[in-house]
Amino acid sequence: LLLIFDSFIHEKSINESEYLSIETTTSLRGIFALVIVLHHMSEITQGGRLFCLLVHAGYLVVSVFFFFSGYGLMTGLLKKGNEYLSVFWIKRILYIFTIYFIITIMYVAEYSLLGKSYSPLQIFMSFFNGAPIAANSWYMIIQILYYIFFWISFKCCNHRYWLGILILLILQFIQTLILILLQYPAIWYMSGFAFSVGVFWAFKKDEIDQLLTLHFFKIMLIVISLFLIFTGLPLILEYIYEEQGFARICCRILSTSLFSILVAITGRKIRFKFKIWMFLGKISLEIYLIHGGVYQILRSEYCWIENEALWTIMTIIISIVLSMIFNIFFKWIKKYFDDLALACRKC
């Protein structure tokens, strides 16, 4: 209802060239942050008409975050050049790892309260063994890895950005093969190639925008058709072959990339400027990281909420309040790393 209301309100104020502006992407992050909370809760409840749909939406939703991340990084690189990469480790990689480390310690404290303890070695290994302590935080590990891939790719390409994108794709392909061989859950690699799609989109945005201006509805129809094909094909294959792991993975990778593109180009015709989306978008990372701990506490022996509707509403409200608090703390950390990067640049 909020989405429909918002699109009608701003139907006459759409500037197609700003479909990937900071305002738009922040609003979309807010929308999908809420969806990802409901998705993770749907995996537990498996009930209700809405949750039955949302239980299958997680890998698609995460691809949008990866797309925006890749797009944002490449946009920054195109604007600032080598200066952007010179302090990339401090402003981006170390910053996001620090946030993730703090959240992990918070979850260790929560689990300790719930009767489960971790040794320092277990905490250290959780960053590498595919079993992160913080709920649903595989995304952060992969995001950090993609940041490193981005830095390596464009540090080596010597301003030949097409080569950097090729290196990035190769690194992602190798990483995917390794995760498959190590038998990691498919969610760890199904959505990630949307990151490279976002990087490429930023690199070729002018040419892509020209095509969208001339052939928007044709392109939209093609993207929707391909998305439906590659999303539905694995379901069809289940009736034909018992073992269709590789085909399923390829279809999922393609469908996530297509979904992220579909969300991006939809912004040319529908603009989401409702203040609630902007608000949620600014704390979307905190919501993503915190909500798992909240719904676990609300279903623990300390605060068992039986009614699932009440459990859902309380999880959303408490997650938002805590995210606002953590956002203030994380802004202080970001300022510290920004100042450190500035000092290093001067040196």
Protein backbone atom coordinates (compact mmCIF):
# COMPACT_ATOMS: atom_id res chain seq x y z
CA LEU A 1 0.00 0.00 0.00
CA LEU A 2 2.85 2.37 0.81
CA LEU A 3 4.44 1.66 -2.57
CA ILE A 4 1.22 2.31 -4.50
CA PHE A 5 0.46 5.46 -2.51
CA ASP A 6 3.99 6.75 -3.06
CA SER A 7 4.00 6.13 -6.81
CA PHE A 8 0.70 7.97 -7.30
CA ILE A 9 1.87 10.94 -5.22
CA HIS A 10 4.99 11.44 -7.31
CA GLU A 11 3.75 10.25 -10.68
CA LYS A 12 4.04 13.73 -12.22
CA SER A 13 7.43 14.60 -10.75
CA ILE A 14 9.59 11.90 -12.31
CA ASN A 15 12.95 12.87 -13.77
CA GLU A 16 14.03 9.78 -15.72
CA SER A 17 17.72 10.73 -15.66
CA GLU A 18 17.78 10.43 -11.86
CA TYR A 19 16.62 6.83 -11.65
CA LEU A 20 19.89 5.85 -9.94
CA SER A 21 20.43 9.01 -7.91
CA ILE A 22 21.43 8.75 -4.26
CA GLU A 23 17.88 9.68 -3.27
CA THR A 24 16.35 6.90 -5.36
CA THR A 25 18.82 4.18 -4.38
CA THR A 26 18.51 5.13 -0.69
CA SER A 27 14.72 4.82 -0.92
CA LEU A 28 14.99 1.45 -2.64
CA ARG A 29 17.41 0.25 0.03
CA GLY A 30 14.79 1.18 2.59
CA ILE A 31 12.08 -0.75 0.77
CA PHE A 32 14.18 -3.87 0.42
CA ALA A 33 15.56 -3.65 3.96
CA LEU A 34 11.98 -4.09 5.16
CA VAL A 35 11.41 -6.91 2.67
CA ILE A 36 14.55 -8.75 3.81
CA VAL A 37 13.39 -8.56 7.45
CA LEU A 38 10.06 -10.11 6.50
CA HIS A 39 11.84 -12.71 4.35
CA HIS A 40 14.04 -13.92 7.20
CA MET A 41 11.03 -14.11 9.49
CA SER A 42 9.07 -16.00 6.84
CA GLU A 43 11.77 -18.69 6.83
CA ILE A 44 10.92 -19.33 10.47
CA THR A 45 7.11 -19.09 10.38
CA GLN A 46 6.40 -20.58 6.92
CA GLY A 47 2.84 -19.34 7.38
CA GLY A 48 0.39 -16.88 5.88
CA ARG A 49 -0.11 -15.90 2.27
CA LEU A 50 2.40 -13.04 2.35
CA PHE A 51 5.14 -15.02 4.09
CA CYS A 52 4.72 -17.97 1.71
CA LEU A 53 5.73 -15.62 -1.10
CA LEU A 54 8.49 -13.83 0.81
CA VAL A 55 10.23 -17.05 1.79
CA HIS A 56 11.44 -17.34 -1.82
CA ALA A 57 12.45 -13.69 -2.25
CA GLY A 58 15.68 -13.46 -0.27
CA TYR A 59 18.26 -14.20 -2.94
CA LEU A 60 16.55 -11.74 -5.31
CA VAL A 61 16.34 -8.92 -2.78
CA VAL A 62 20.02 -9.20 -1.81
CA SER A 63 21.03 -8.84 -5.46
CA VAL A 64 19.62 -5.29 -5.43
CA PHE A 65 21.94 -4.36 -2.55
CA PHE A 66 24.90 -5.84 -4.44
CA PHE A 67 23.92 -3.96 -7.62
CA PHE A 68 23.72 -0.61 -5.82
CA SER A 69 27.00 -1.32 -4.05
CA GLY A 70 28.85 -2.03 -7.30
CA TYR A 71 27.21 0.94 -9.00
CA GLY A 72 28.18 3.27 -6.14
CA LEU A 73 31.80 2.12 -6.05
CA MET A 74 32.26 2.49 -9.80
CA THR A 75 30.61 5.91 -9.81
CA GLY A 76 33.06 7.04 -7.12
CA LEU A 77 36.00 5.66 -9.09
CA LEU A 78 34.93 7.42 -12.30
CA LYS A 79 34.65 10.73 -10.45
CA LYS A 80 37.86 10.56 -8.39
CA GLY A 81 40.16 8.19 -10.26
CA ASN A 82 43.24 6.80 -8.49
CA GLU A 83 42.61 9.07 -5.50
CA TYR A 84 39.53 6.96 -4.79
CA LEU A 85 41.56 3.74 -4.69
CA SER A 86 44.45 5.22 -2.70
CA VAL A 87 42.45 5.26 0.55
CA PHE A 88 39.91 2.59 -0.42
CA TRP A 89 41.16 0.11 2.17
CA ILE A 90 40.67 2.60 4.98
CA LYS A 91 37.41 4.29 3.96
CA ARG A 92 35.66 1.20 2.65
CA ILE A 93 37.16 -2.15 3.60
CA LEU A 94 38.44 -1.46 7.13
CA TYR A 95 35.35 0.59 7.92
CA ILE A 96 32.85 -2.10 6.93
CA PHE A 97 34.94 -4.83 8.59
CA THR A 98 34.99 -2.82 11.84
CA ILE A 99 31.21 -2.54 11.76
CA TYR A 100 30.87 -6.25 11.10
CA PHE A 101 33.28 -7.11 13.93
CA ILE A 102 31.32 -4.95 16.38
CA ILE A 103 28.03 -6.57 15.35
CA THR A 104 29.59 -10.03 15.71
CA ILE A 105 30.67 -9.23 19.28
CA MET A 106 27.14 -8.00 20.01
CA TYR A 107 25.75 -11.35 18.83
CA VAL A 108 28.33 -13.23 20.93
CA ALA A 109 27.03 -11.31 23.95
CA GLU A 110 23.43 -12.10 23.02
CA TYR A 111 24.13 -15.82 22.57
CA SER A 112 26.00 -15.83 25.88
CA LEU A 113 22.81 -14.51 27.49
CA LEU A 114 20.89 -17.32 25.78
CA GLY A 115 23.32 -19.92 27.13
CA LYS A 116 25.64 -20.45 24.15
CA SER A 117 29.29 -19.39 24.42
CA TYR A 118 32.06 -18.93 21.84
CA SER A 119 35.81 -19.12 22.30
CA PRO A 120 38.11 -16.47 20.75
CA LEU A 121 39.20 -19.05 18.16
CA GLN A 122 35.58 -19.80 17.21
CA ILE A 123 34.88 -16.08 16.82
CA PHE A 124 37.94 -15.67 14.59
CA MET A 125 37.11 -18.72 12.47
CA SER A 126 33.49 -17.55 12.01
CA PHE A 127 34.76 -14.94 9.57
CA PHE A 128 36.17 -17.67 7.29
CA ASN A 129 34.40 -20.99 7.82
CA GLY A 130 31.02 -20.17 6.31
CA ALA A 131 29.25 -20.16 9.66
CA PRO A 132 29.12 -16.50 10.77
CA ILE A 133 27.98 -15.87 14.33
CA ALA A 134 25.85 -12.83 13.49
CA ALA A 135 22.53 -13.93 12.04
CA ASN A 136 22.19 -13.66 8.24
CA SER A 137 25.59 -11.90 8.05
CA TRP A 138 27.03 -13.89 5.16
CA TYR A 139 26.18 -10.79 3.11
CA MET A 140 28.76 -8.72 5.01
CA ILE A 141 31.51 -11.28 4.46
CA ILE A 142 30.80 -11.43 0.73
CA GLN A 143 30.53 -7.65 0.55
CA ILE A 144 33.96 -7.23 2.12
CA LEU A 145 35.34 -9.80 -0.31
CA TYR A 146 33.82 -7.95 -3.27
CA TYR A 147 35.33 -4.69 -2.04
CA ILE A 148 38.74 -6.37 -2.07
CA PHE A 149 38.07 -7.77 -5.55
CA PHE A 150 37.09 -4.28 -6.74
CA TRP A 151 40.29 -2.74 -5.38
CA ILE A 152 42.48 -5.46 -6.94
CA SER A 153 40.69 -5.29 -10.30
CA PHE A 154 40.90 -1.55 -10.83
CA LYS A 155 44.29 -1.15 -9.20
CA CYS A 156 45.69 -3.53 -11.81
CA CYS A 157 43.87 -2.20 -14.87
CA ASN A 158 45.77 1.12 -15.21
CA HIS A 159 42.68 3.21 -16.15
CA ARG A 160 41.49 0.55 -18.62
CA TYR A 161 38.21 0.13 -16.85
CA TRP A 162 36.89 -2.50 -19.22
CA LEU A 163 39.87 -4.65 -18.17
CA GLY A 164 39.08 -4.00 -14.51
CA ILE A 165 35.52 -5.23 -15.01
CA LEU A 166 36.84 -8.36 -16.74
CA ILE A 167 39.24 -9.06 -13.86
CA LEU A 168 36.41 -8.51 -11.38
CA LEU A 169 34.22 -11.05 -13.20
CA ILE A 170 37.05 -13.58 -13.27
CA LEU A 171 37.66 -13.16 -9.53
CA GLN A 172 33.95 -13.58 -8.83
CA PHE A 173 33.83 -16.68 -11.03
CA ILE A 174 36.79 -18.24 -9.20
CA GLN A 175 35.27 -17.36 -5.83
CA THR A 176 31.97 -18.96 -6.87
CA LEU A 177 33.69 -22.18 -7.92
CA ILE A 178 35.58 -22.34 -4.62
CA LEU A 179 32.40 -21.82 -2.59
CA ILE A 180 30.63 -24.53 -4.60
CA LEU A 181 33.52 -26.96 -4.05
CA LEU A 182 33.49 -26.14 -0.32
CA GLN A 183 29.72 -26.83 -0.35
CA TYR A 184 28.72 -23.41 0.95
CA PRO A 185 24.97 -22.64 0.82
CA ALA A 186 23.97 -21.35 -2.62
CA ILE A 187 22.86 -17.98 -1.18
CA TRP A 188 26.56 -17.15 -0.70
CA TYR A 189 27.13 -16.86 -4.46
CA MET A 190 23.74 -16.75 -6.27
CA SER A 191 23.20 -13.00 -5.88
CA GLY A 192 26.76 -11.71 -6.06
CA PHE A 193 27.17 -11.21 -9.80
CA ALA A 194 24.71 -8.32 -9.56
CA PHE A 195 27.68 -6.47 -8.03
CA SER A 196 29.58 -6.68 -11.33
CA VAL A 197 26.40 -5.75 -13.21
CA GLY A 198 26.21 -2.58 -11.10
CA VAL A 199 29.87 -1.80 -11.81
CA PHE A 200 29.32 -2.24 -15.56
CA TRP A 201 26.12 -0.16 -15.44
CA ALA A 202 27.96 2.78 -13.89
CA PHE A 203 30.77 2.45 -16.45
CA LYS A 204 28.39 2.46 -19.42
CA LYS A 205 25.54 4.50 -17.93
CA ASP A 206 25.43 7.14 -20.69
CA GLU A 207 25.10 4.54 -23.44
CA ILE A 208 22.59 2.50 -21.41
CA ASP A 209 20.51 5.62 -20.72
CA GLN A 210 20.36 6.41 -24.43
CA LEU A 211 19.06 2.91 -25.16
CA LEU A 212 16.50 3.17 -22.36
CA THR A 213 15.29 6.54 -23.65
CA LEU A 214 14.76 5.13 -27.15
CA HIS A 215 13.55 1.62 -26.35
CA PHE A 216 12.43 1.57 -22.72
CA PHE A 217 9.33 -0.62 -23.05
CA LYS A 218 11.05 -3.09 -25.40
CA ILE A 219 13.97 -3.43 -22.98
CA MET A 220 11.62 -3.72 -20.00
CA LEU A 221 9.66 -6.48 -21.77
CA ILE A 222 12.87 -8.37 -22.61
CA VAL A 223 14.22 -8.09 -19.06
CA ILE A 224 10.91 -9.20 -17.50
CA SER A 225 10.63 -12.14 -19.92
CA LEU A 226 14.19 -13.33 -19.29
CA PHE A 227 13.75 -12.89 -15.55
CA LEU A 228 10.60 -15.03 -15.53
CA ILE A 229 12.28 -17.67 -17.70
CA PHE A 230 15.39 -18.03 -15.55
CA THR A 231 13.39 -17.84 -12.32
CA GLY A 232 10.90 -20.48 -13.41
CA LEU A 233 13.28 -22.80 -15.30
CA PRO A 234 14.71 -24.45 -12.14
CA LEU A 235 11.16 -25.33 -11.07
CA ILE A 236 10.53 -26.96 -14.45
CA LEU A 237 13.84 -28.83 -14.34
CA GLU A 238 12.86 -30.38 -11.00
CA TYR A 239 10.19 -32.37 -12.86
CA ILE A 240 12.67 -33.56 -15.51
CA TYR A 241 15.95 -34.19 -13.72
CA GLU A 242 16.64 -35.17 -10.15
CA GLU A 243 20.16 -33.74 -10.27
CA GLN A 244 20.12 -30.26 -11.79
CA GLY A 245 22.45 -28.40 -9.41
CA PHE A 246 24.63 -26.67 -12.02
CA ALA A 247 21.70 -25.62 -14.20
CA ARG A 248 19.86 -24.34 -11.14
CA ILE A 249 22.86 -22.26 -10.01
CA CYS A 250 23.29 -20.72 -13.49
CA CYS A 251 19.58 -19.85 -13.66
CA ARG A 252 19.63 -18.30 -10.20
CA ILE A 253 22.70 -16.20 -11.01
CA LEU A 254 21.06 -14.91 -14.18
CA SER A 255 17.70 -14.29 -12.51
CA THR A 256 19.26 -12.25 -9.67
CA SER A 257 21.20 -10.08 -12.11
CA LEU A 258 18.08 -9.55 -14.19
CA PHE A 259 16.03 -8.72 -11.09
CA SER A 260 18.51 -6.02 -10.03
CA ILE A 261 18.36 -4.54 -13.54
CA LEU A 262 14.56 -4.66 -13.45
CA VAL A 263 14.46 -2.77 -10.15
CA ALA A 264 16.93 -0.19 -11.44
CA ILE A 265 15.15 0.64 -14.71
CA THR A 266 11.73 0.66 -13.04
CA GLY A 267 12.95 3.81 -11.28
CA ARG A 268 12.76 5.65 -14.62
CA LYS A 269 8.97 5.46 -14.51
CA ILE A 270 8.20 5.16 -10.79
CA ARG A 271 9.95 7.38 -8.27
CA PHE A 272 9.87 6.51 -4.60
CA LYS A 273 10.18 9.71 -2.58
CA PHE A 274 8.05 8.76 0.38
CA LYS A 275 9.95 9.91 3.48
CA ILE A 276 9.64 6.56 5.21
CA TRP A 277 11.73 4.88 2.48
CA MET A 278 14.46 7.51 2.73
CA PHE A 279 14.48 7.11 6.49
CA LEU A 280 14.72 3.31 6.34
CA GLY A 281 17.27 3.49 3.52
CA LYS A 282 19.66 5.54 5.65
CA ILE A 283 19.66 2.84 8.32
CA SER A 284 19.22 -0.15 5.98
CA LEU A 285 22.61 -1.70 6.80
CA GLU A 286 21.92 -1.49 10.52
CA ILE A 287 18.46 -3.02 10.02
CA TYR A 288 19.98 -5.86 8.01
CA LEU A 289 22.55 -6.61 10.71
CA ILE A 290 20.40 -6.19 13.81
CA HIS A 291 16.99 -7.68 13.05
CA GLY A 292 18.17 -11.30 13.34
CA GLY A 293 19.22 -10.79 16.93
CA VAL A 294 15.93 -9.06 17.71
CA TYR A 295 13.62 -11.79 16.45
CA GLN A 296 15.73 -14.42 18.21
CA ILE A 297 15.44 -12.62 21.55
CA LEU A 298 11.68 -12.18 21.08
CA ARG A 299 11.37 -15.94 20.59
CA SER A 300 13.72 -16.85 23.45
CA GLU A 301 12.84 -17.97 26.97
CA TYR A 302 13.34 -14.39 28.17
CA CYS A 303 10.62 -12.92 25.95
CA TRP A 304 8.56 -15.55 24.15
CA ILE A 305 5.96 -13.93 21.90
CA GLU A 306 3.57 -16.62 20.71
CA ASN A 307 1.44 -14.56 18.33
CA GLU A 308 3.29 -14.34 15.02
CA ALA A 309 1.71 -11.05 13.92
CA LEU A 310 2.75 -9.41 17.19
CA TRP A 311 6.20 -11.03 16.92
CA THR A 312 6.62 -9.58 13.41
CA ILE A 313 5.48 -6.08 14.36
CA MET A 314 7.63 -5.96 17.49
CA THR A 315 10.67 -7.20 15.56
CA ILE A 316 10.28 -4.44 12.98
CA ILE A 317 9.73 -1.68 15.56
CA ILE A 318 12.59 -2.72 17.86
CA SER A 319 14.95 -3.30 14.92
CA ILE A 320 14.29 0.22 13.60
CA VAL A 321 14.81 1.83 17.02
CA LEU A 322 18.06 -0.05 17.63
CA SER A 323 19.21 0.69 14.07
CA MET A 324 18.77 4.42 14.68
CA ILE A 325 21.01 4.17 17.74
CA PHE A 326 23.64 2.07 15.98
CA ASN A 327 23.54 4.41 12.99
CA ILE A 328 24.71 7.29 15.21
CA PHE A 329 27.54 5.11 16.53
CA PHE A 330 28.53 3.94 13.03
CA LYS A 331 28.57 7.52 11.75
CA TRP A 332 31.15 8.31 14.44
CA ILE A 333 33.23 5.33 13.30
CA LYS A 334 32.92 6.44 9.67
CA LYS A 335 34.12 9.93 10.58
CA TYR A 336 37.14 8.39 12.31
CA PHE A 337 38.07 6.40 9.20
CA ASP A 338 37.43 9.41 6.94
CA ASP A 339 39.80 11.49 9.05
CA LEU A 340 42.34 8.67 9.03
CA ALA A 341 42.09 8.42 5.24
CA LEU A 342 42.58 12.17 4.90
CA ALA A 343 45.69 12.01 7.10
CA CYS A 344 47.08 9.11 5.05
CA ARG A 345 46.40 10.96 1.80
CA LYS A 346 48.37 13.98 3.08
CA CYS A 347 51.26 11.70 4.04
